[in-house]
């Protein structure tokens, strides 16, 4: 049985390409925190190379950016290729069948610069009683 499930954040923006036959392929790296702390008391992360095809690839490229929280389910796949100098490179990656977006999409207001909060109650602009309306 070859089954993988990951939850983590993208380390950089996904890379997408469209092949000549129209198939879309997207690759991305997911940082997954470990369940325990090391000897220094720090939580370490593993960085997993992920790949997806078709509709999930289009959606990842469209909706995910560096820092997006995602859940990836799929399978491990290994492959190799030979470099020009003759050395063989082995690659193990997660081939994602399903990608779930765990961050909610940001609205225009959330991405706008934040306004300065008042430092004291006197600086806060309370609405006047005349401005308040009661709906009956």
C-alpha atoms as a PDB file:
ATOM      1  CA  UNK A   1       0.000   0.000   0.000  1.00  0.00           C
ATOM      2  CA  UNK A   2       1.405   3.416  -0.976  1.00  0.00           C
ATOM      3  CA  UNK A   3      -0.532   6.232   0.699  1.00  0.00           C
ATOM      4  CA  UNK A   4       0.664   9.606   1.998  1.00  0.00           C
ATOM      5  CA  UNK A   5      -1.083  12.414   3.872  1.00  0.00           C
ATOM      6  CA  UNK A   6       0.607  15.743   4.680  1.00  0.00           C
ATOM      7  CA  UNK A   7      -0.469  18.997   6.264  1.00  0.00           C
ATOM      8  CA  UNK A   8       1.877  21.950   6.017  1.00  0.00           C
ATOM      9  CA  UNK A   9       2.707  25.295   4.468  1.00  0.00           C
ATOM     10  CA  UNK A  10       4.162  26.041   1.036  1.00  0.00           C
ATOM     11  CA  UNK A  11       7.771  27.232   1.243  1.00  0.00           C
ATOM     12  CA  UNK A  12       7.509  29.248  -1.990  1.00  0.00           C
ATOM     13  CA  UNK A  13       5.043  29.914  -4.774  1.00  0.00           C
ATOM     14  CA  UNK A  14       4.120  26.809  -6.792  1.00  0.00           C
ATOM     15  CA  UNK A  15       5.683  26.249 -10.209  1.00  0.00           C
ATOM     16  CA  UNK A  16       3.253  25.359 -12.973  1.00  0.00           C
ATOM     17  CA  UNK A  17       3.789  24.348 -16.599  1.00  0.00           C
ATOM     18  CA  UNK A  18       1.541  23.266 -19.420  1.00  0.00           C
ATOM     19  CA  UNK A  19       2.768  20.397 -21.560  1.00  0.00           C
ATOM     20  CA  UNK A  20       2.319  20.276 -25.337  1.00  0.00           C
ATOM     21  CA  UNK A  21      -0.758  18.038 -25.079  1.00  0.00           C
ATOM     22  CA  UNK A  22      -2.430  20.562 -22.767  1.00  0.00           C
ATOM     23  CA  UNK A  23      -1.877  18.738 -19.457  1.00  0.00           C
ATOM     24  CA  UNK A  24      -0.968  21.004 -16.525  1.00  0.00           C
ATOM     25  CA  UNK A  25       1.730  19.990 -14.035  1.00  0.00           C
ATOM     26  CA  UNK A  26       2.420  21.898 -10.810  1.00  0.00           C
ATOM     27  CA  UNK A  27       5.197  21.328  -8.288  1.00  0.00           C
ATOM     28  CA  UNK A  28       5.530  22.813  -4.814  1.00  0.00           C
ATOM     29  CA  UNK A  29       7.337  22.171  -1.536  1.00  0.00           C
ATOM     30  CA  UNK A  30       5.418  21.693   1.714  1.00  0.00           C
ATOM     31  CA  UNK A  31       7.063  22.271   5.109  1.00  0.00           C
ATOM     32  CA  UNK A  32       5.638  19.770   7.623  1.00  0.00           C
ATOM     33  CA  UNK A  33       6.344  20.256  11.336  1.00  0.00           C
ATOM     34  CA  UNK A  34       7.383  17.215  13.326  1.00  0.00           C
ATOM     35  CA  UNK A  35       5.372  16.031  16.352  1.00  0.00           C
ATOM     36  CA  UNK A  36       8.256  16.381  18.803  1.00  0.00           C
ATOM     37  CA  UNK A  37      10.990  18.794  19.850  1.00  0.00           C
ATOM     38  CA  UNK A  38      14.705  18.215  19.330  1.00  0.00           C
ATOM     39  CA  UNK A  39      17.325  18.314  22.104  1.00  0.00           C
ATOM     40  CA  UNK A  40      17.376  22.125  21.947  1.00  0.00           C
ATOM     41  CA  UNK A  41      13.603  22.275  22.489  1.00  0.00           C
ATOM     42  CA  UNK A  42      12.863  23.362  18.928  1.00  0.00           C
ATOM     43  CA  UNK A  43      10.295  21.872  16.573  1.00  0.00           C
ATOM     44  CA  UNK A  44      11.932  20.861  13.305  1.00  0.00           C
ATOM     45  CA  UNK A  45      10.277  20.597   9.893  1.00  0.00           C
ATOM     46  CA  UNK A  46      10.613  18.288   6.930  1.00  0.00           C
ATOM     47  CA  UNK A  47      10.387  19.713   3.420  1.00  0.00           C
ATOM     48  CA  UNK A  48       8.420  17.514   1.022  1.00  0.00           C
ATOM     49  CA  UNK A  49       8.542  17.881  -2.746  1.00  0.00           C
ATOM     50  CA  UNK A  50       4.986  17.554  -4.078  1.00  0.00           C
ATOM     51  CA  UNK A  51       3.662  17.261  -7.608  1.00  0.00           C
ATOM     52  CA  UNK A  52       0.144  17.229  -9.035  1.00  0.00           C
ATOM     53  CA  UNK A  53      -1.486  17.028 -12.465  1.00  0.00           C
ATOM     54  CA  UNK A  54      -4.670  18.238 -14.162  1.00  0.00           C
ATOM     55  CA  UNK A  55      -7.396  20.137 -12.334  1.00  0.00           C
ATOM     56  CA  UNK A  56      -5.682  19.987  -8.902  1.00  0.00           C
ATOM     57  CA  UNK A  57      -2.536  21.407 -10.550  1.00  0.00           C
ATOM     58  CA  UNK A  58      -4.505  24.326 -11.988  1.00  0.00           C
ATOM     59  CA  UNK A  59      -6.126  25.043  -8.614  1.00  0.00           C
ATOM     60  CA  UNK A  60      -2.848  24.925  -6.680  1.00  0.00           C
ATOM     61  CA  UNK A  61      -1.235  27.333  -9.147  1.00  0.00           C
ATOM     62  CA  UNK A  62      -4.254  29.636  -8.999  1.00  0.00           C
ATOM     63  CA  UNK A  63      -5.048  29.703  -5.276  1.00  0.00           C
ATOM     64  CA  UNK A  64      -1.814  28.905  -3.406  1.00  0.00           C
ATOM     65  CA  UNK A  65       1.137  31.142  -2.613  1.00  0.00           C
ATOM     66  CA  UNK A  66       4.132  30.961  -0.306  1.00  0.00           C
ATOM     67  CA  UNK A  67       2.832  30.297   3.219  1.00  0.00           C
ATOM     68  CA  UNK A  68      -0.505  28.755   2.184  1.00  0.00           C
ATOM     69  CA  UNK A  69      -1.672  25.959   4.492  1.00  0.00           C
ATOM     70  CA  UNK A  70      -2.567  22.833   2.508  1.00  0.00           C
ATOM     71  CA  UNK A  71      -3.387  19.179   3.045  1.00  0.00           C
ATOM     72  CA  UNK A  72      -2.014  16.813   0.416  1.00  0.00           C
ATOM     73  CA  UNK A  73      -3.113  13.220   0.004  1.00  0.00           C
ATOM     74  CA  UNK A  74      -1.571  10.954  -2.561  1.00  0.00           C
ATOM     75  CA  UNK A  75       1.276   8.507  -2.945  1.00  0.00           C
ATOM     76  CA  UNK A  76       5.062   8.447  -2.907  1.00  0.00           C
ATOM     77  CA  UNK A  77       6.762   8.186  -6.252  1.00  0.00           C
ATOM     78  CA  UNK A  78      10.465   7.850  -6.989  1.00  0.00           C
ATOM     79  CA  UNK A  79      12.209   8.482 -10.271  1.00  0.00           C
ATOM     80  CA  UNK A  80      15.695   9.125 -11.551  1.00  0.00           C
ATOM     81  CA  UNK A  81      17.405  10.931 -14.362  1.00  0.00           C
ATOM     82  CA  UNK A  82      20.972  11.314 -15.616  1.00  0.00           C
ATOM     83  CA  UNK A  83      22.650  14.708 -15.627  1.00  0.00           C
ATOM     84  CA  UNK A  84      24.844  15.846 -18.501  1.00  0.00           C
ATOM     85  CA  UNK A  85      27.983  14.872 -16.572  1.00  0.00           C
ATOM     86  CA  UNK A  86      26.695  11.283 -16.252  1.00  0.00           C
ATOM     87  CA  UNK A  87      25.686  11.345 -12.579  1.00  0.00           C
ATOM     88  CA  UNK A  88      22.353   9.775 -11.761  1.00  0.00           C
ATOM     89  CA  UNK A  89      19.929  11.873  -9.667  1.00  0.00           C
ATOM     90  CA  UNK A  90      17.202  10.160  -7.635  1.00  0.00           C
ATOM     91  CA  UNK A  91      14.052  12.075  -6.720  1.00  0.00           C
ATOM     92  CA  UNK A  92      11.321  11.027  -4.302  1.00  0.00           C
ATOM     93  CA  UNK A  93       8.156  13.121  -4.319  1.00  0.00           C
ATOM     94  CA  UNK A  94       4.553  13.046  -3.197  1.00  0.00           C
ATOM     95  CA  UNK A  95       2.227  12.731  -6.157  1.00  0.00           C
ATOM     96  CA  UNK A  96      -0.854  14.534  -4.853  1.00  0.00           C
ATOM     97  CA  UNK A  97      -4.256  13.242  -5.904  1.00  0.00           C
ATOM     98  CA  UNK A  98      -6.190  15.609  -3.643  1.00  0.00           C
ATOM     99  CA  UNK A  99      -5.088  19.013  -2.410  1.00  0.00           C
ATOM    100  CA  UNK A 100      -7.188  20.749   0.232  1.00  0.00           C
ATOM    101  CA  UNK A 101      -6.755  24.443   0.912  1.00  0.00           C
ATOM    102  CA  UNK A 102      -6.888  24.949   4.677  1.00  0.00           C
ATOM    103  CA  UNK A 103      -6.441  28.740   4.735  1.00  0.00           C
ATOM    104  CA  UNK A 104      -9.498  30.779   4.082  1.00  0.00           C
ATOM    105  CA  UNK A 105      -9.188  33.082   1.115  1.00  0.00           C
ATOM    106  CA  UNK A 106      -8.237  36.620   2.016  1.00  0.00           C
ATOM    107  CA  UNK A 107     -10.652  39.382   1.151  1.00  0.00           C
ATOM    108  CA  UNK A 108      -9.662  42.766  -0.233  1.00  0.00           C
ATOM    109  CA  UNK A 109     -10.017  44.385   3.224  1.00  0.00           C
ATOM    110  CA  UNK A 110      -7.663  41.866   4.830  1.00  0.00           C
ATOM    111  CA  UNK A 111      -4.903  42.499   2.313  1.00  0.00           C
ATOM    112  CA  UNK A 112      -5.226  46.314   2.589  1.00  0.00           C
ATOM    113  CA  UNK A 113      -2.832  48.112   4.975  1.00  0.00           C
ATOM    114  CA  UNK A 114      -4.073  48.170   8.544  1.00  0.00           C
ATOM    115  CA  UNK A 115      -5.225  51.463  10.013  1.00  0.00           C
ATOM    116  CA  UNK A 116      -3.532  52.727  13.142  1.00  0.00           C
ATOM    117  CA  UNK A 117      -5.439  51.794  16.281  1.00  0.00           C
ATOM    118  CA  UNK A 118      -6.139  54.556  18.820  1.00  0.00           C
ATOM    119  CA  UNK A 119      -3.660  54.665  21.698  1.00  0.00           C
ATOM    120  CA  UNK A 120      -6.249  55.631  24.315  1.00  0.00           C
ATOM    121  CA  UNK A 121     -10.015  55.860  24.709  1.00  0.00           C
ATOM    122  CA  UNK A 122      -9.841  59.652  24.177  1.00  0.00           C
ATOM    123  CA  UNK A 123      -8.364  59.105  20.692  1.00  0.00           C
ATOM    124  CA  UNK A 124     -11.177  56.773  19.632  1.00  0.00           C
ATOM    125  CA  UNK A 125     -13.869  58.357  17.420  1.00  0.00           C
ATOM    126  CA  UNK A 126     -17.178  57.173  18.922  1.00  0.00           C
ATOM    127  CA  UNK A 127     -20.264  57.575  16.701  1.00  0.00           C
ATOM    128  CA  UNK A 128     -22.693  60.273  17.783  1.00  0.00           C
ATOM    129  CA  UNK A 129     -26.114  59.215  19.170  1.00  0.00           C
ATOM    130  CA  UNK A 130     -27.793  60.999  16.223  1.00  0.00           C
ATOM    131  CA  UNK A 131     -25.960  58.675  13.806  1.00  0.00           C
ATOM    132  CA  UNK A 132     -27.462  55.584  15.409  1.00  0.00           C
ATOM    133  CA  UNK A 133     -30.700  54.355  13.841  1.00  0.00           C
ATOM    134  CA  UNK A 134     -33.126  51.832  15.205  1.00  0.00           C
ATOM    135  CA  UNK A 135     -34.888  49.498  12.816  1.00  0.00           C
ATOM    136  CA  UNK A 136     -38.427  48.687  13.925  1.00  0.00           C
END
